[in-house]
């Protein structure tokens, strides 16, 4: 049995972590739910019990074996030394330590063996990165991936609990001809798409867009990988979708790609265009597999394949991936 703490237990990802721990029957001994002062004392159910939220501070980790992080970068950085000092392993969902060379960045289906290299902290990758790499990793095992051109279609819940509230509020207001003040997104998201997620990073790309390349290089052990990514917010409540064109060192046929992806851990092949069968956000919500389909040859390069994939960004893109890392530990 392991003593487990969830840092940021009252947020969407923290609550999903609780749900996944229970679903997967993770061997939890003592469980601590940690959050900010305003949530202290709040009762949250787990396996038929009501567990009171405690204050997330430097003194909260004594006796813990594992801390699952679902909090901000700032809080993760502030509390990480106390977690490690207490002897716990910190599996952190924030981006605070992802590019630290001493911190493994793990997608269990891709580089699970890297957990052995941890020094007390393990990072969970970006949600779209997890979904995309789970979908294409089988191809990388046949022939190393050289480049990816990706467009992400990211659900409003990826922006936090306020995202779906704003989308639904706008839809309702517009149906009545009323105004609605948007505060979560820079523009109206209802009946719209917004081609910016994250702040400006480099050469016109955003911070979110550069994660696919920077994190992908580390996870797949491909230091020369080049990724051209455009991240788009779409009026979908849950589950991210990614269109990705993968160029490999050697050509991979469509049939070969379908066969190996169908057998790949964490993937489900959903690819029958004549019968209108392909991955969609509604079908991938509230489960852990990455659905992969629309596999076809890249018409611009004989070494390329075009792929469409969808996955639940709250589960496989965050909570479930963290629990899978805990299971590896």
Protein backbone atom coordinates (compact mmCIF):
# COMPACT_ATOMS: atom_id res chain seq x y z
CA UNK A 1 0.00 0.00 0.00
CA UNK A 2 1.20 3.52 -0.79
CA UNK A 3 0.45 6.74 1.05
CA UNK A 4 -0.71 9.18 -1.61
CA UNK A 5 -1.27 12.94 -1.63
CA UNK A 6 -3.01 14.88 -4.38
CA UNK A 7 -1.79 18.46 -4.67
CA UNK A 8 -4.63 20.53 -6.16
CA UNK A 9 -7.25 17.95 -5.27
CA UNK A 10 -10.28 20.21 -5.78
CA UNK A 11 -9.55 21.11 -9.41
CA UNK A 12 -10.75 19.24 -12.49
CA UNK A 13 -7.55 17.20 -12.91
CA UNK A 14 -7.21 16.53 -9.17
CA UNK A 15 -10.74 15.19 -8.98
CA UNK A 16 -10.14 13.07 -12.08
CA UNK A 17 -7.00 11.66 -10.43
CA UNK A 18 -9.16 10.54 -7.50
CA UNK A 19 -11.62 8.92 -9.90
CA UNK A 20 -8.87 7.09 -11.79
CA UNK A 21 -7.16 5.90 -8.58
CA UNK A 22 -10.44 4.30 -7.57
CA UNK A 23 -11.22 2.87 -11.02
CA UNK A 24 -7.79 1.25 -11.37
CA UNK A 25 -7.82 0.04 -7.75
CA UNK A 26 -4.47 1.69 -7.04
CA UNK A 27 -3.14 0.42 -3.67
CA UNK A 28 -3.80 3.57 -1.64
CA UNK A 29 -3.00 3.42 2.06
CA UNK A 30 -3.36 6.87 3.58
CA UNK A 31 -4.80 9.51 1.23
CA UNK A 32 -4.23 13.25 1.64
CA UNK A 33 -6.18 15.79 -0.39
CA UNK A 34 -4.35 19.13 -0.53
CA UNK A 35 -5.55 22.49 -1.80
CA UNK A 36 -5.54 26.20 -1.00
CA UNK A 37 -6.81 27.68 2.24
CA UNK A 38 -10.26 28.43 0.81
CA UNK A 39 -10.90 24.70 0.24
CA UNK A 40 -9.63 23.42 3.60
CA UNK A 41 -12.25 21.28 5.35
CA UNK A 42 -14.20 20.55 2.20
CA UNK A 43 -15.25 16.88 2.06
CA UNK A 44 -14.53 14.85 -1.07
CA UNK A 45 -15.71 11.22 -1.52
CA UNK A 46 -13.26 8.38 -2.18
CA UNK A 47 -14.12 4.67 -1.99
CA UNK A 48 -17.15 5.26 0.17
CA UNK A 49 -15.40 7.63 2.57
CA UNK A 50 -15.50 11.41 2.94
CA UNK A 51 -12.00 12.87 3.09
CA UNK A 52 -11.41 16.42 4.32
CA UNK A 53 -9.19 18.70 2.25
CA UNK A 54 -6.04 19.87 4.02
CA UNK A 55 -3.82 22.89 3.43
CA UNK A 56 -1.15 22.51 0.76
CA UNK A 57 2.04 23.72 2.45
CA UNK A 58 5.61 22.56 3.11
CA UNK A 59 4.52 20.48 6.15
CA UNK A 60 1.87 18.41 4.35
CA UNK A 61 4.02 15.60 2.90
CA UNK A 62 5.46 13.78 5.91
CA UNK A 63 4.86 10.03 5.55
CA UNK A 64 3.75 10.25 1.92
CA UNK A 65 5.17 7.85 -0.67
CA UNK A 66 3.67 9.55 -3.71
CA UNK A 67 2.43 13.06 -4.48
CA UNK A 68 0.30 13.59 -7.60
CA UNK A 69 0.50 17.21 -8.70
CA UNK A 70 -2.48 18.95 -10.26
CA UNK A 71 -1.59 22.51 -9.29
CA UNK A 72 0.04 25.56 -10.84
CA UNK A 73 3.67 25.85 -11.93
CA UNK A 74 4.29 28.32 -9.11
CA UNK A 75 2.95 25.99 -6.41
CA UNK A 76 4.74 22.98 -7.88
CA UNK A 77 8.08 24.82 -7.81
CA UNK A 78 7.51 26.09 -4.29
CA UNK A 79 6.54 22.74 -2.77
CA UNK A 80 8.73 20.33 -4.78
CA UNK A 81 11.74 20.61 -2.41
CA UNK A 82 9.55 19.77 0.60
CA UNK A 83 8.03 16.78 -1.25
CA UNK A 84 11.43 15.36 -2.16
CA UNK A 85 12.82 16.06 1.34
CA UNK A 86 9.91 14.10 2.82
CA UNK A 87 10.98 11.09 0.74
CA UNK A 88 7.99 11.08 -1.61
CA UNK A 89 8.06 10.91 -5.41
CA UNK A 90 6.40 13.92 -7.03
CA UNK A 91 4.50 13.12 -10.27
CA UNK A 92 3.73 16.63 -11.47
CA UNK A 93 1.17 17.60 -14.09
CA UNK A 94 2.35 21.22 -14.37
CA UNK A 95 4.96 22.32 -16.91
CA UNK A 96 7.36 23.49 -14.17
CA UNK A 97 9.93 20.70 -14.56
CA UNK A 98 9.20 19.19 -17.97
CA UNK A 99 12.37 20.41 -19.67
CA UNK A 100 14.66 19.94 -16.66
CA UNK A 101 17.31 17.41 -17.78
CA UNK A 102 17.22 15.77 -14.33
CA UNK A 103 13.44 15.17 -14.48
CA UNK A 104 12.02 12.32 -16.58
CA UNK A 105 9.11 13.32 -18.83
CA UNK A 106 6.94 10.24 -19.23
CA UNK A 107 4.26 8.79 -21.46
CA UNK A 108 4.18 5.20 -20.17
CA UNK A 109 3.34 3.67 -23.57
CA UNK A 110 6.30 5.51 -25.13
CA UNK A 111 9.18 5.80 -22.63
CA UNK A 112 8.03 4.14 -19.42
CA UNK A 113 11.55 2.84 -18.73
CA UNK A 114 12.70 6.44 -18.13
CA UNK A 115 10.99 6.46 -14.72
CA UNK A 116 14.06 4.63 -13.41
CA UNK A 117 16.07 7.82 -13.84
CA UNK A 118 14.03 9.99 -11.47
CA UNK A 119 15.55 11.92 -8.58
CA UNK A 120 12.29 12.49 -6.74
CA UNK A 121 10.36 14.34 -9.48
CA UNK A 122 8.67 13.00 -12.63
CA UNK A 123 6.81 15.24 -15.08
CA UNK A 124 3.56 14.60 -16.91
CA UNK A 125 3.77 16.03 -20.46
CA UNK A 126 1.40 18.49 -22.13
CA UNK A 127 -2.01 16.97 -22.90
CA UNK A 128 -1.83 17.30 -26.70
CA UNK A 129 1.72 15.95 -26.68
CA UNK A 130 0.61 12.85 -24.72
CA UNK A 131 -2.29 12.15 -27.09
CA UNK A 132 -0.24 12.70 -30.26
CA UNK A 133 2.80 10.68 -29.18
CA UNK A 134 0.65 7.79 -27.99
CA UNK A 135 -0.89 7.74 -31.49
CA UNK A 136 2.37 7.87 -33.49
CA UNK A 137 4.85 6.03 -31.27
CA UNK A 138 4.26 2.70 -33.01
CA UNK A 139 5.37 4.29 -36.30
CA UNK A 140 8.54 5.57 -34.63
CA UNK A 141 9.42 1.99 -33.68
CA UNK A 142 9.27 0.93 -37.35
CA UNK A 143 11.21 3.92 -38.64
CA UNK A 144 12.40 6.97 -36.66
CA UNK A 145 10.21 10.05 -37.02
CA UNK A 146 12.03 13.01 -38.54
CA UNK A 147 9.29 15.66 -38.68
CA UNK A 148 5.68 16.22 -37.67
CA UNK A 149 3.26 18.86 -38.92
CA UNK A 150 0.44 19.09 -36.39
CA UNK A 151 -2.73 21.08 -35.84
CA UNK A 152 -4.44 20.63 -32.49
CA UNK A 153 -8.17 21.19 -31.97
CA UNK A 154 -8.37 21.68 -28.23
CA UNK A 155 -11.52 21.51 -26.13
CA UNK A 156 -12.57 24.43 -23.93
CA UNK A 157 -12.17 22.35 -20.75
CA UNK A 158 -8.44 22.41 -21.46
CA UNK A 159 -8.54 25.99 -20.22
CA UNK A 160 -9.99 24.91 -16.85
CA UNK A 161 -13.43 24.67 -15.32
CA UNK A 162 -14.38 28.13 -16.61
CA UNK A 163 -14.00 27.11 -20.26
CA UNK A 164 -17.19 25.04 -20.61
CA UNK A 165 -19.10 27.55 -18.47
CA UNK A 166 -18.12 30.35 -20.85
CA UNK A 167 -18.98 28.29 -23.95
CA UNK A 168 -22.41 27.32 -22.61
CA UNK A 169 -23.07 30.84 -21.38
CA UNK A 170 -22.29 32.30 -24.79
CA UNK A 171 -24.47 29.75 -26.60
CA UNK A 172 -27.41 30.51 -24.30
CA UNK A 173 -26.94 34.28 -24.53
CA UNK A 174 -26.63 34.23 -28.31
CA UNK A 175 -29.79 32.13 -28.64
CA UNK A 176 -31.64 34.92 -26.80
CA UNK A 177 -29.94 37.74 -28.65
CA UNK A 178 -28.17 38.84 -25.47
CA UNK A 179 -24.57 39.89 -24.87
CA UNK A 180 -22.10 37.75 -22.91
CA UNK A 181 -18.78 39.04 -21.58
CA UNK A 182 -15.99 36.57 -22.29
CA UNK A 183 -13.28 36.35 -19.61
CA UNK A 184 -11.67 32.93 -20.13
CA UNK A 185 -10.91 33.27 -23.85
CA UNK A 186 -9.79 36.41 -25.69
CA UNK A 187 -12.72 36.18 -28.11
CA UNK A 188 -16.14 34.55 -28.32
CA UNK A 189 -15.59 30.79 -28.52
CA UNK A 190 -19.19 29.78 -29.33
CA UNK A 191 -19.50 29.11 -33.11
CA UNK A 192 -15.88 30.18 -33.49
CA UNK A 193 -12.30 28.86 -33.42
CA UNK A 194 -9.39 30.76 -31.88
CA UNK A 195 -5.96 30.03 -33.42
CA UNK A 196 -3.94 30.86 -30.30
CA UNK A 197 -3.30 28.84 -27.15
CA UNK A 198 -0.48 30.07 -24.95
CA UNK A 199 1.60 33.23 -25.17
CA UNK A 200 4.10 34.21 -27.83
CA UNK A 201 7.22 32.06 -27.76
CA UNK A 202 9.47 32.26 -30.81
CA UNK A 203 9.18 33.21 -34.48
CA UNK A 204 5.41 33.62 -34.25
CA UNK A 205 4.78 30.29 -32.50
CA UNK A 206 3.10 30.11 -29.10
CA UNK A 207 4.36 28.44 -25.93
CA UNK A 208 1.73 25.72 -26.35
CA UNK A 209 2.80 25.06 -29.94
CA UNK A 210 6.48 24.64 -29.05
CA UNK A 211 5.68 21.99 -26.43
CA UNK A 212 4.98 19.39 -29.12
CA UNK A 213 8.54 19.68 -30.45
CA UNK A 214 10.43 20.31 -27.22
CA UNK A 215 8.63 17.65 -25.17
CA UNK A 216 8.43 15.25 -28.12
CA UNK A 217 12.22 15.27 -28.51
CA UNK A 218 12.72 14.35 -24.86
CA UNK A 219 9.99 11.70 -24.62
CA UNK A 220 10.75 9.90 -27.88
CA UNK A 221 14.55 10.25 -27.54
CA UNK A 222 14.64 12.09 -30.88
CA UNK A 223 16.85 15.15 -30.26
CA UNK A 224 16.67 16.24 -33.92
CA UNK A 225 12.86 15.99 -34.21
CA UNK A 226 11.28 19.01 -35.94
CA UNK A 227 7.63 19.85 -35.31
CA UNK A 228 5.54 22.55 -36.97
CA UNK A 229 2.47 22.94 -34.73
CA UNK A 230 -0.62 25.17 -34.73
CA UNK A 231 -2.82 25.05 -31.62
CA UNK A 232 -6.49 25.95 -32.01
CA UNK A 233 -9.24 26.33 -29.39
CA UNK A 234 -12.53 24.90 -30.66
CA UNK A 235 -16.08 24.96 -29.19
CA UNK A 236 -15.90 21.35 -27.97
CA UNK A 237 -16.42 20.65 -24.27
CA UNK A 238 -13.99 17.77 -23.76
CA UNK A 239 -11.37 15.71 -25.66
CA UNK A 240 -8.62 17.15 -27.84
CA UNK A 241 -8.19 16.23 -31.50
CA UNK A 242 -4.96 16.40 -33.48
CA UNK A 243 -4.28 16.27 -37.20
CA UNK A 244 -0.65 15.22 -37.68
CA UNK A 245 1.46 14.46 -40.71
CA UNK A 246 4.42 12.29 -39.76
CA UNK A 247 7.54 11.96 -41.90
CA UNK A 248 9.72 8.94 -41.14
CA UNK A 249 13.23 7.98 -42.28
CA UNK A 250 11.83 5.12 -44.38
CA UNK A 251 8.39 4.84 -46.00
CA UNK A 252 5.64 3.10 -44.03
CA UNK A 253 2.62 1.84 -45.95
CA UNK A 254 -0.89 2.73 -44.86
CA UNK A 255 -1.68 -0.95 -44.27
CA UNK A 256 1.44 -1.41 -42.16
CA UNK A 257 0.62 1.71 -40.16
CA UNK A 258 -2.95 0.56 -39.52
CA UNK A 259 -1.80 -2.87 -38.38
CA UNK A 260 0.83 -1.65 -35.95
CA UNK A 261 -1.32 1.16 -34.51
CA UNK A 262 -4.16 -1.32 -33.97
CA UNK A 263 -1.80 -3.32 -31.73
CA UNK A 264 -0.12 -0.35 -30.04
CA UNK A 265 -0.65 0.07 -26.27
CA UNK A 266 -3.02 2.90 -25.43
CA UNK A 267 -4.43 3.10 -28.97
CA UNK A 268 -7.66 2.08 -30.65
CA UNK A 269 -7.79 1.99 -34.45
CA UNK A 270 -10.99 3.71 -35.64
CA UNK A 271 -10.47 4.01 -39.38
CA UNK A 272 -13.19 3.21 -41.93
CA UNK A 273 -13.82 6.27 -44.09
CA UNK A 274 -16.42 4.67 -46.46
CA UNK A 275 -18.62 3.88 -43.45
CA UNK A 276 -17.94 7.26 -41.79
CA UNK A 277 -15.99 5.71 -38.91
CA UNK A 278 -13.23 7.88 -37.45
CA UNK A 279 -12.15 9.35 -34.11
CA UNK A 280 -14.32 12.12 -32.68
CA UNK A 281 -14.26 13.97 -29.34
CA UNK A 282 -17.69 12.73 -28.25
CA UNK A 283 -16.55 9.12 -28.59
CA UNK A 284 -13.24 9.56 -26.78
CA UNK A 285 -14.57 11.44 -23.74
CA UNK A 286 -14.35 9.81 -20.29
CA UNK A 287 -12.09 6.91 -21.29
CA UNK A 288 -8.35 6.41 -21.61
CA UNK A 289 -7.56 5.16 -25.12
CA UNK A 290 -6.34 7.41 -27.92
CA UNK A 291 -8.50 6.79 -30.99
CA UNK A 292 -6.53 6.87 -34.26
CA UNK A 293 -7.90 7.03 -37.80
CA UNK A 294 -7.97 8.78 -41.19
CA UNK A 295 -4.57 7.15 -41.87
CA UNK A 296 -3.47 7.96 -45.41
CA UNK A 297 -0.36 8.65 -47.45
CA UNK A 298 1.00 12.16 -47.42
CA UNK A 299 0.57 13.35 -51.00
CA UNK A 300 3.56 15.71 -50.68
CA UNK A 301 6.17 13.22 -49.45
CA UNK A 302 6.53 9.46 -50.03
CA UNK A 303 7.89 9.06 -46.48
CA UNK A 304 4.88 10.76 -44.90
CA UNK A 305 1.61 9.60 -43.36
CA UNK A 306 -1.37 11.76 -42.40
CA UNK A 307 -3.20 10.78 -39.21
CA UNK A 308 -6.16 12.04 -37.15
CA UNK A 309 -6.38 11.20 -33.45
CA UNK A 310 -8.56 12.10 -30.46
CA UNK A 311 -8.16 11.62 -26.73
CA UNK A 312 -9.64 12.78 -23.44
CA UNK A 313 -7.25 15.51 -22.32
CA UNK A 314 -8.41 15.39 -18.69
CA UNK A 315 -7.85 11.63 -18.44
CA UNK A 316 -5.12 10.29 -20.75
CA UNK A 317 -3.86 13.84 -21.30
CA UNK A 318 -3.42 14.43 -17.56
CA UNK A 319 -4.89 12.35 -14.72
CA UNK A 320 -4.66 8.83 -16.12
CA UNK A 321 -1.16 9.36 -17.48
CA UNK A 322 -0.05 10.43 -13.98
CA UNK A 323 -1.63 7.34 -12.38
CA UNK A 324 0.02 5.12 -15.01
CA UNK A 325 3.36 6.65 -14.01
CA UNK A 326 2.53 5.90 -10.37
CA UNK A 327 1.79 2.29 -11.34
CA UNK A 328 5.19 2.03 -13.03
CA UNK A 329 6.83 3.29 -9.84
